[in-house]
Amino acid sequence: MPNFPEQLCMLNLDGQLTFVALVGIIDPPREEAKSAIAACKRAGVRVIMITGDQKTTAIAIGEQLGLLTGEALTGPELAKMSQAELEKRIDSVSIFARMEPLQKLKVVEALKSRGHIVSMTGDGINDAPALRSADIGVAMGIKELM
């Protein structure tokens, strides 16, 4: 058995590691999501994606769903903006990535301040503040009742 250093750091491991594999995982959008978004667009409903995913992942998914009609904004970028700044830009953003729960709420409030009727869907506790603030909150995720 080889001797392993007591402390794992690059200096102690340099030259002692062998690259074995690179794994990629994809979670493609469901077909029904694509058709639902298309139906919303035909009905004049603007669809915005708010996700915790990385910006590049969110953009790729947004392109597959036909959502990338505006700019993509990240949570850290949003954190540097005032609510007034967000309200000015909200109509040009179609994807929000790396968002935290209170940032989702901030987006909902900015949309409402611009006179939009907001429906929000979410499937986790982190979505609760935005779901509650939206005009229509749709909590998802329960597949069967006990």
N, C-alpha and C. Protein backbone atom coordinates (compact mmCIF):
# COMPACT_ATOMS: atom_id res chain seq x y z
N MET A 1 0.85 -1.18 0.00
CA MET A 1 0.00 0.00 0.00
C MET A 1 0.89 1.24 0.00
N PRO A 2 0.59 2.20 -0.92
CA PRO A 2 1.44 3.39 -1.00
C PRO A 2 1.25 4.29 0.21
N ASN A 3 2.25 5.11 0.49
CA ASN A 3 2.16 6.10 1.56
C ASN A 3 1.38 7.30 1.07
N PHE A 4 0.31 7.65 1.78
CA PHE A 4 -0.47 8.82 1.45
C PHE A 4 -0.07 9.94 2.39
N PRO A 5 0.01 11.15 1.88
CA PRO A 5 0.35 12.27 2.77
C PRO A 5 -0.76 12.51 3.78
N GLU A 6 -0.37 13.05 4.94
CA GLU A 6 -1.35 13.33 5.98
C GLU A 6 -2.27 14.47 5.59
N GLN A 7 -1.76 15.40 4.81
CA GLN A 7 -2.55 16.55 4.42
C GLN A 7 -2.75 16.52 2.91
N LEU A 8 -4.03 16.62 2.49
CA LEU A 8 -4.33 16.61 1.07
C LEU A 8 -4.22 18.02 0.51
N CYS A 9 -3.17 18.27 -0.23
CA CYS A 9 -3.01 19.53 -0.94
C CYS A 9 -2.19 19.24 -2.19
N MET A 10 -2.25 20.15 -3.13
CA MET A 10 -1.59 19.92 -4.42
C MET A 10 -0.09 19.69 -4.26
N LEU A 11 0.54 20.38 -3.34
CA LEU A 11 1.99 20.21 -3.16
C LEU A 11 2.33 18.78 -2.73
N ASN A 12 1.50 18.20 -1.87
CA ASN A 12 1.77 16.84 -1.40
C ASN A 12 1.36 15.76 -2.40
N LEU A 13 0.46 16.10 -3.30
CA LEU A 13 -0.07 15.09 -4.23
C LEU A 13 0.50 15.20 -5.64
N ASP A 14 1.21 16.26 -5.93
CA ASP A 14 1.72 16.48 -7.28
C ASP A 14 2.51 15.27 -7.76
N GLY A 15 2.09 14.72 -8.89
CA GLY A 15 2.76 13.56 -9.47
C GLY A 15 2.33 12.23 -8.91
N GLN A 16 1.43 12.23 -7.91
CA GLN A 16 1.01 10.99 -7.27
C GLN A 16 -0.41 10.58 -7.67
N LEU A 17 -1.07 11.38 -8.51
CA LEU A 17 -2.44 11.07 -8.91
C LEU A 17 -2.48 10.65 -10.36
N THR A 18 -3.41 9.76 -10.67
CA THR A 18 -3.62 9.32 -12.04
C THR A 18 -5.04 9.70 -12.46
N PHE A 19 -5.15 10.42 -13.57
CA PHE A 19 -6.46 10.78 -14.09
C PHE A 19 -7.13 9.51 -14.59
N VAL A 20 -8.31 9.23 -14.06
CA VAL A 20 -9.01 7.99 -14.40
C VAL A 20 -10.17 8.24 -15.36
N ALA A 21 -10.96 9.27 -15.08
CA ALA A 21 -12.14 9.47 -15.92
C ALA A 21 -12.70 10.87 -15.74
N LEU A 22 -13.53 11.25 -16.69
CA LEU A 22 -14.30 12.48 -16.62
C LEU A 22 -15.74 12.08 -16.87
N VAL A 23 -16.63 12.48 -15.99
CA VAL A 23 -18.03 12.09 -16.09
C VAL A 23 -18.88 13.33 -16.35
N GLY A 24 -19.79 13.22 -17.29
CA GLY A 24 -20.73 14.30 -17.57
C GLY A 24 -22.15 13.79 -17.36
N ILE A 25 -22.98 14.60 -16.78
CA ILE A 25 -24.37 14.21 -16.52
C ILE A 25 -25.27 15.26 -17.16
N ILE A 26 -26.30 14.81 -17.82
CA ILE A 26 -27.25 15.74 -18.41
C ILE A 26 -28.65 15.39 -17.93
N ASP A 27 -29.39 16.41 -17.59
CA ASP A 27 -30.78 16.27 -17.18
C ASP A 27 -31.60 17.10 -18.16
N PRO A 28 -31.92 16.53 -19.32
CA PRO A 28 -32.59 17.32 -20.36
C PRO A 28 -34.00 17.73 -19.95
N PRO A 29 -34.48 18.81 -20.53
CA PRO A 29 -35.86 19.22 -20.23
C PRO A 29 -36.85 18.19 -20.75
N ARG A 30 -37.94 18.05 -20.06
CA ARG A 30 -38.99 17.12 -20.50
C ARG A 30 -39.67 17.66 -21.74
N GLU A 31 -40.09 16.75 -22.59
CA GLU A 31 -40.79 17.15 -23.82
C GLU A 31 -42.04 17.96 -23.49
N GLU A 32 -42.75 17.56 -22.43
CA GLU A 32 -43.97 18.30 -22.09
C GLU A 32 -43.68 19.73 -21.65
N ALA A 33 -42.46 19.99 -21.14
CA ALA A 33 -42.09 21.36 -20.78
C ALA A 33 -41.95 22.21 -22.04
N LYS A 34 -41.36 21.65 -23.06
CA LYS A 34 -41.20 22.38 -24.32
C LYS A 34 -42.56 22.76 -24.90
N SER A 35 -43.47 21.80 -24.93
CA SER A 35 -44.79 22.09 -25.51
C SER A 35 -45.59 23.05 -24.61
N ALA A 36 -45.43 22.96 -23.30
CA ALA A 36 -46.13 23.87 -22.39
C ALA A 36 -45.64 25.30 -22.58
N ILE A 37 -44.34 25.47 -22.73
CA ILE A 37 -43.78 26.81 -22.94
C ILE A 37 -44.23 27.36 -24.29
N ALA A 38 -44.24 26.51 -25.30
CA ALA A 38 -44.72 26.94 -26.62
C ALA A 38 -46.19 27.38 -26.54
N ALA A 39 -47.01 26.64 -25.80
CA ALA A 39 -48.42 26.99 -25.65
C ALA A 39 -48.57 28.32 -24.91
N CYS A 40 -47.74 28.53 -23.89
CA CYS A 40 -47.78 29.81 -23.16
C CYS A 40 -47.44 30.96 -24.09
N LYS A 41 -46.42 30.78 -24.90
CA LYS A 41 -46.03 31.85 -25.84
C LYS A 41 -47.15 32.16 -26.83
N ARG A 42 -47.80 31.11 -27.35
CA ARG A 42 -48.91 31.32 -28.28
C ARG A 42 -50.05 32.08 -27.62
N ALA A 43 -50.21 31.89 -26.31
CA ALA A 43 -51.28 32.56 -25.56
C ALA A 43 -50.86 33.96 -25.09
N GLY A 44 -49.63 34.36 -25.41
CA GLY A 44 -49.17 35.69 -25.01
C GLY A 44 -48.59 35.76 -23.62
N VAL A 45 -48.30 34.60 -23.04
CA VAL A 45 -47.71 34.55 -21.69
C VAL A 45 -46.20 34.53 -21.81
N ARG A 46 -45.54 35.43 -21.13
CA ARG A 46 -44.08 35.46 -21.12
C ARG A 46 -43.58 34.48 -20.05
N VAL A 47 -42.66 33.62 -20.44
CA VAL A 47 -42.11 32.63 -19.51
C VAL A 47 -40.67 33.02 -19.19
N ILE A 48 -40.36 33.02 -17.90
CA ILE A 48 -39.01 33.34 -17.41
C ILE A 48 -38.53 32.14 -16.61
N MET A 49 -37.27 31.79 -16.77
CA MET A 49 -36.68 30.71 -15.97
C MET A 49 -35.90 31.32 -14.81
N ILE A 50 -36.19 30.85 -13.61
CA ILE A 50 -35.43 31.22 -12.42
C ILE A 50 -34.90 29.90 -11.86
N THR A 51 -33.58 29.76 -11.82
CA THR A 51 -32.98 28.49 -11.45
C THR A 51 -31.76 28.68 -10.56
N GLY A 52 -31.42 27.62 -9.87
CA GLY A 52 -30.19 27.61 -9.09
C GLY A 52 -29.01 27.12 -9.90
N ASP A 53 -29.26 26.66 -11.13
CA ASP A 53 -28.20 26.16 -11.99
C ASP A 53 -27.20 27.24 -12.36
N GLN A 54 -26.03 26.80 -12.82
CA GLN A 54 -25.02 27.71 -13.34
C GLN A 54 -25.57 28.43 -14.57
N LYS A 55 -25.03 29.59 -14.87
CA LYS A 55 -25.51 30.40 -15.98
C LYS A 55 -25.41 29.66 -17.32
N THR A 56 -24.29 29.01 -17.58
CA THR A 56 -24.12 28.32 -18.87
C THR A 56 -25.11 27.17 -19.01
N THR A 57 -25.37 26.47 -17.93
CA THR A 57 -26.36 25.39 -17.95
C THR A 57 -27.75 25.96 -18.19
N ALA A 58 -28.09 27.02 -17.49
CA ALA A 58 -29.40 27.65 -17.64
C ALA A 58 -29.61 28.16 -19.06
N ILE A 59 -28.60 28.74 -19.65
CA ILE A 59 -28.71 29.23 -21.03
C ILE A 59 -28.92 28.08 -21.99
N ALA A 60 -28.17 26.99 -21.80
CA ALA A 60 -28.31 25.83 -22.68
C ALA A 60 -29.72 25.25 -22.60
N ILE A 61 -30.24 25.12 -21.39
CA ILE A 61 -31.61 24.60 -21.21
C ILE A 61 -32.61 25.60 -21.78
N GLY A 62 -32.38 26.88 -21.53
CA GLY A 62 -33.26 27.92 -22.05
C GLY A 62 -33.33 27.90 -23.57
N GLU A 63 -32.20 27.67 -24.22
CA GLU A 63 -32.19 27.58 -25.68
C GLU A 63 -33.01 26.38 -26.15
N GLN A 64 -32.86 25.25 -25.47
CA GLN A 64 -33.62 24.05 -25.84
C GLN A 64 -35.13 24.26 -25.68
N LEU A 65 -35.50 25.07 -24.70
CA LEU A 65 -36.92 25.32 -24.43
C LEU A 65 -37.48 26.52 -25.20
N GLY A 66 -36.62 27.22 -25.90
CA GLY A 66 -37.07 28.41 -26.62
C GLY A 66 -37.27 29.61 -25.72
N LEU A 67 -36.56 29.65 -24.61
CA LEU A 67 -36.72 30.75 -23.64
C LEU A 67 -35.74 31.89 -23.82
N LEU A 68 -34.65 31.64 -24.50
CA LEU A 68 -33.60 32.65 -24.53
C LEU A 68 -33.93 33.75 -25.53
N THR A 69 -34.85 34.62 -25.12
CA THR A 69 -35.24 35.75 -25.96
C THR A 69 -34.71 37.05 -25.38
N GLY A 70 -34.13 37.00 -24.23
CA GLY A 70 -33.57 38.18 -23.58
C GLY A 70 -32.23 37.83 -22.98
N GLU A 71 -31.82 38.62 -22.02
CA GLU A 71 -30.52 38.37 -21.40
C GLU A 71 -30.64 37.38 -20.23
N ALA A 72 -29.50 36.84 -19.83
CA ALA A 72 -29.43 35.96 -18.67
C ALA A 72 -28.69 36.71 -17.57
N LEU A 73 -29.22 36.62 -16.36
CA LEU A 73 -28.67 37.35 -15.23
C LEU A 73 -28.44 36.36 -14.09
N THR A 74 -27.34 36.51 -13.37
CA THR A 74 -27.04 35.60 -12.26
C THR A 74 -27.38 36.24 -10.91
N GLY A 75 -27.50 35.38 -9.90
CA GLY A 75 -27.74 35.85 -8.54
C GLY A 75 -26.69 36.84 -8.07
N PRO A 76 -25.38 36.53 -8.27
CA PRO A 76 -24.36 37.50 -7.85
C PRO A 76 -24.49 38.84 -8.59
N GLU A 77 -24.89 38.81 -9.86
CA GLU A 77 -25.10 40.06 -10.60
C GLU A 77 -26.31 40.81 -10.03
N LEU A 78 -27.35 40.07 -9.72
CA LEU A 78 -28.56 40.65 -9.15
C LEU A 78 -28.26 41.27 -7.78
N ALA A 79 -27.40 40.62 -7.01
CA ALA A 79 -27.07 41.10 -5.66
C ALA A 79 -26.44 42.49 -5.69
N LYS A 80 -25.81 42.85 -6.79
CA LYS A 80 -25.16 44.16 -6.92
C LYS A 80 -26.14 45.25 -7.38
N MET A 81 -27.35 44.84 -7.75
CA MET A 81 -28.34 45.79 -8.27
C MET A 81 -29.31 46.23 -7.19
N SER A 82 -29.77 47.45 -7.32
CA SER A 82 -30.85 47.90 -6.44
C SER A 82 -32.16 47.36 -7.00
N GLN A 83 -33.22 47.44 -6.20
CA GLN A 83 -34.53 47.00 -6.68
C GLN A 83 -34.96 47.87 -7.87
N ALA A 84 -34.66 49.16 -7.83
CA ALA A 84 -35.02 50.07 -8.93
C ALA A 84 -34.29 49.68 -10.22
N GLU A 85 -33.02 49.32 -10.11
CA GLU A 85 -32.26 48.89 -11.28
C GLU A 85 -32.86 47.61 -11.87
N LEU A 86 -33.21 46.66 -10.99
CA LEU A 86 -33.82 45.42 -11.45
C LEU A 86 -35.14 45.71 -12.16
N GLU A 87 -35.94 46.59 -11.58
CA GLU A 87 -37.23 46.92 -12.18
C GLU A 87 -37.06 47.51 -13.58
N LYS A 88 -35.99 48.27 -13.82
CA LYS A 88 -35.72 48.83 -15.14
C LYS A 88 -35.35 47.74 -16.15
N ARG A 89 -34.62 46.70 -15.69
CA ARG A 89 -34.11 45.66 -16.59
C ARG A 89 -34.98 44.41 -16.68
N ILE A 90 -35.95 44.27 -15.80
CA ILE A 90 -36.69 43.02 -15.65
C ILE A 90 -37.36 42.55 -16.96
N ASP A 91 -37.81 43.49 -17.77
CA ASP A 91 -38.50 43.12 -19.00
C ASP A 91 -37.56 42.60 -20.08
N SER A 92 -36.26 42.76 -19.89
CA SER A 92 -35.31 42.27 -20.89
C SER A 92 -34.59 40.99 -20.45
N VAL A 93 -34.90 40.48 -19.27
CA VAL A 93 -34.24 39.27 -18.76
C VAL A 93 -35.18 38.08 -18.92
N SER A 94 -34.68 37.01 -19.53
CA SER A 94 -35.51 35.82 -19.69
C SER A 94 -35.02 34.65 -18.84
N ILE A 95 -33.76 34.73 -18.36
CA ILE A 95 -33.21 33.65 -17.53
C ILE A 95 -32.48 34.25 -16.34
N PHE A 96 -32.81 33.74 -15.15
CA PHE A 96 -32.11 34.10 -13.92
C PHE A 96 -31.45 32.82 -13.41
N ALA A 97 -30.13 32.84 -13.25
CA ALA A 97 -29.37 31.67 -12.84
C ALA A 97 -28.67 31.90 -11.50
N ARG A 98 -28.35 30.79 -10.81
CA ARG A 98 -27.67 30.83 -9.50
C ARG A 98 -28.43 31.72 -8.51
N MET A 99 -29.74 31.55 -8.50
CA MET A 99 -30.59 32.40 -7.67
C MET A 99 -30.80 31.79 -6.29
N GLU A 100 -30.82 32.66 -5.29
CA GLU A 100 -31.12 32.27 -3.92
C GLU A 100 -32.59 32.60 -3.63
N PRO A 101 -33.16 32.00 -2.58
CA PRO A 101 -34.59 32.20 -2.31
C PRO A 101 -35.06 33.65 -2.27
N LEU A 102 -34.34 34.51 -1.59
CA LEU A 102 -34.78 35.91 -1.49
C LEU A 102 -34.59 36.66 -2.80
N GLN A 103 -33.67 36.17 -3.64
CA GLN A 103 -33.51 36.78 -4.96
C GLN A 103 -34.69 36.42 -5.86
N LYS A 104 -35.21 35.21 -5.72
CA LYS A 104 -36.41 34.81 -6.47
C LYS A 104 -37.56 35.73 -6.08
N LEU A 105 -37.68 36.01 -4.81
CA LEU A 105 -38.71 36.92 -4.32
C LEU A 105 -38.52 38.32 -4.92
N LYS A 106 -37.28 38.76 -4.98
CA LYS A 106 -36.96 40.07 -5.54
C LYS A 106 -37.40 40.16 -7.01
N VAL A 107 -37.21 39.08 -7.76
CA VAL A 107 -37.64 39.04 -9.16
C VAL A 107 -39.16 39.13 -9.26
N VAL A 108 -39.85 38.35 -8.44
CA VAL A 108 -41.32 38.39 -8.45
C VAL A 108 -41.80 39.81 -8.13
N GLU A 109 -41.23 40.42 -7.13
CA GLU A 109 -41.65 41.77 -6.74
C GLU A 109 -41.36 42.79 -7.85
N ALA A 110 -40.23 42.63 -8.54
CA ALA A 110 -39.90 43.54 -9.64
C ALA A 110 -40.90 43.39 -10.79
N LEU A 111 -41.27 42.17 -11.10
CA LEU A 111 -42.27 41.94 -12.16
C LEU A 111 -43.61 42.56 -11.78
N LYS A 112 -44.02 42.35 -10.53
CA LYS A 112 -45.30 42.91 -10.08
C LYS A 112 -45.28 44.43 -10.09
N SER A 113 -44.14 45.03 -9.74
CA SER A 113 -44.04 46.49 -9.73
C SER A 113 -44.18 47.08 -11.13
N ARG A 114 -43.90 46.27 -12.15
CA ARG A 114 -44.03 46.70 -13.55
C ARG A 114 -45.43 46.42 -14.09
N GLY A 115 -46.34 45.95 -13.21
CA GLY A 115 -47.72 45.73 -13.61
C GLY A 115 -48.01 44.35 -14.16
N HIS A 116 -47.04 43.45 -14.07
CA HIS A 116 -47.25 42.09 -14.55
C HIS A 116 -48.04 41.27 -13.54
N ILE A 117 -48.89 40.39 -14.03
CA ILE A 117 -49.52 39.39 -13.18
C ILE A 117 -48.57 38.21 -13.19
N VAL A 118 -48.10 37.80 -12.01
CA VAL A 118 -47.02 36.83 -11.91
C VAL A 118 -47.53 35.49 -11.38
N SER A 119 -47.21 34.45 -12.12
CA SER A 119 -47.42 33.08 -11.65
C SER A 119 -46.04 32.48 -11.45
N MET A 120 -45.85 31.84 -10.34
CA MET A 120 -44.55 31.25 -10.00
C MET A 120 -44.76 29.78 -9.70
N THR A 121 -43.90 28.94 -10.27
CA THR A 121 -43.93 27.52 -9.91
C THR A 121 -42.66 27.21 -9.12
N GLY A 122 -42.76 26.25 -8.24
CA GLY A 122 -41.60 25.85 -7.46
C GLY A 122 -41.82 24.51 -6.83
N ASP A 123 -40.71 23.84 -6.52
CA ASP A 123 -40.83 22.49 -5.97
C ASP A 123 -40.03 22.29 -4.69
N GLY A 124 -39.60 23.38 -4.07
CA GLY A 124 -38.82 23.22 -2.85
C GLY A 124 -39.10 24.34 -1.87
N ILE A 125 -38.62 24.16 -0.66
CA ILE A 125 -38.83 25.15 0.40
C ILE A 125 -38.17 26.48 0.03
N ASN A 126 -37.11 26.42 -0.76
CA ASN A 126 -36.42 27.65 -1.16
C ASN A 126 -37.28 28.52 -2.09
N ASP A 127 -38.34 27.94 -2.64
CA ASP A 127 -39.25 28.69 -3.52
C ASP A 127 -40.40 29.34 -2.76
N ALA A 128 -40.57 29.00 -1.50
CA ALA A 128 -41.74 29.45 -0.73
C ALA A 128 -41.93 30.96 -0.70
N PRO A 129 -40.90 31.77 -0.43
CA PRO A 129 -41.15 33.23 -0.38
C PRO A 129 -41.67 33.77 -1.71
N ALA A 130 -41.11 33.33 -2.82
CA ALA A 130 -41.55 33.82 -4.13
C ALA A 130 -42.94 33.28 -4.47
N LEU A 131 -43.20 32.02 -4.13
CA LEU A 131 -44.53 31.44 -4.38
C LEU A 131 -45.61 32.22 -3.65
N ARG A 132 -45.32 32.58 -2.41
CA ARG A 132 -46.30 33.30 -1.60
C ARG A 132 -46.54 34.72 -2.14
N SER A 133 -45.50 35.34 -2.63
CA SER A 133 -45.62 36.72 -3.12
C SER A 133 -46.26 36.81 -4.50
N ALA A 134 -46.15 35.75 -5.30
CA ALA A 134 -46.70 35.77 -6.66
C ALA A 134 -48.23 35.88 -6.61
N ASP A 135 -48.81 36.40 -7.67
CA ASP A 135 -50.27 36.46 -7.77
C ASP A 135 -50.84 35.04 -7.79
N ILE A 136 -50.12 34.14 -8.47
CA ILE A 136 -50.51 32.73 -8.54
C ILE A 136 -49.28 31.90 -8.19
N GLY A 137 -49.32 31.20 -7.08
CA GLY A 137 -48.21 30.35 -6.67
C GLY A 137 -48.57 28.89 -6.88
N VAL A 138 -47.74 28.17 -7.62
CA VAL A 138 -48.02 26.77 -7.93
C VAL A 138 -46.89 25.92 -7.34
N ALA A 139 -47.18 25.26 -6.22
CA ALA A 139 -46.19 24.38 -5.59
C ALA A 139 -46.31 23.01 -6.25
N MET A 140 -45.18 22.50 -6.69
CA MET A 140 -45.17 21.23 -7.42
C MET A 140 -44.37 20.19 -6.64
N GLY A 141 -44.50 18.95 -7.06
CA GLY A 141 -43.64 17.93 -6.50
C GLY A 141 -44.35 16.80 -5.81
N ILE A 142 -45.59 16.98 -5.36
CA ILE A 142 -46.32 15.89 -4.72
C ILE A 142 -46.84 14.97 -5.81
N LYS A 143 -46.39 13.72 -5.78
CA LYS A 143 -46.79 12.78 -6.82
C LYS A 143 -47.94 11.88 -6.41
N GLU A 144 -48.08 11.66 -5.13
CA GLU A 144 -49.20 10.85 -4.66
C GLU A 144 -49.56 11.25 -3.24
N LEU A 145 -50.80 11.12 -2.92
CA LEU A 145 -51.25 11.45 -1.57
C LEU A 145 -51.25 10.18 -0.73
N MET A 146 -50.91 10.33 0.52
CA MET A 146 -50.90 9.17 1.41
C MET A 146 -52.25 8.93 2.01
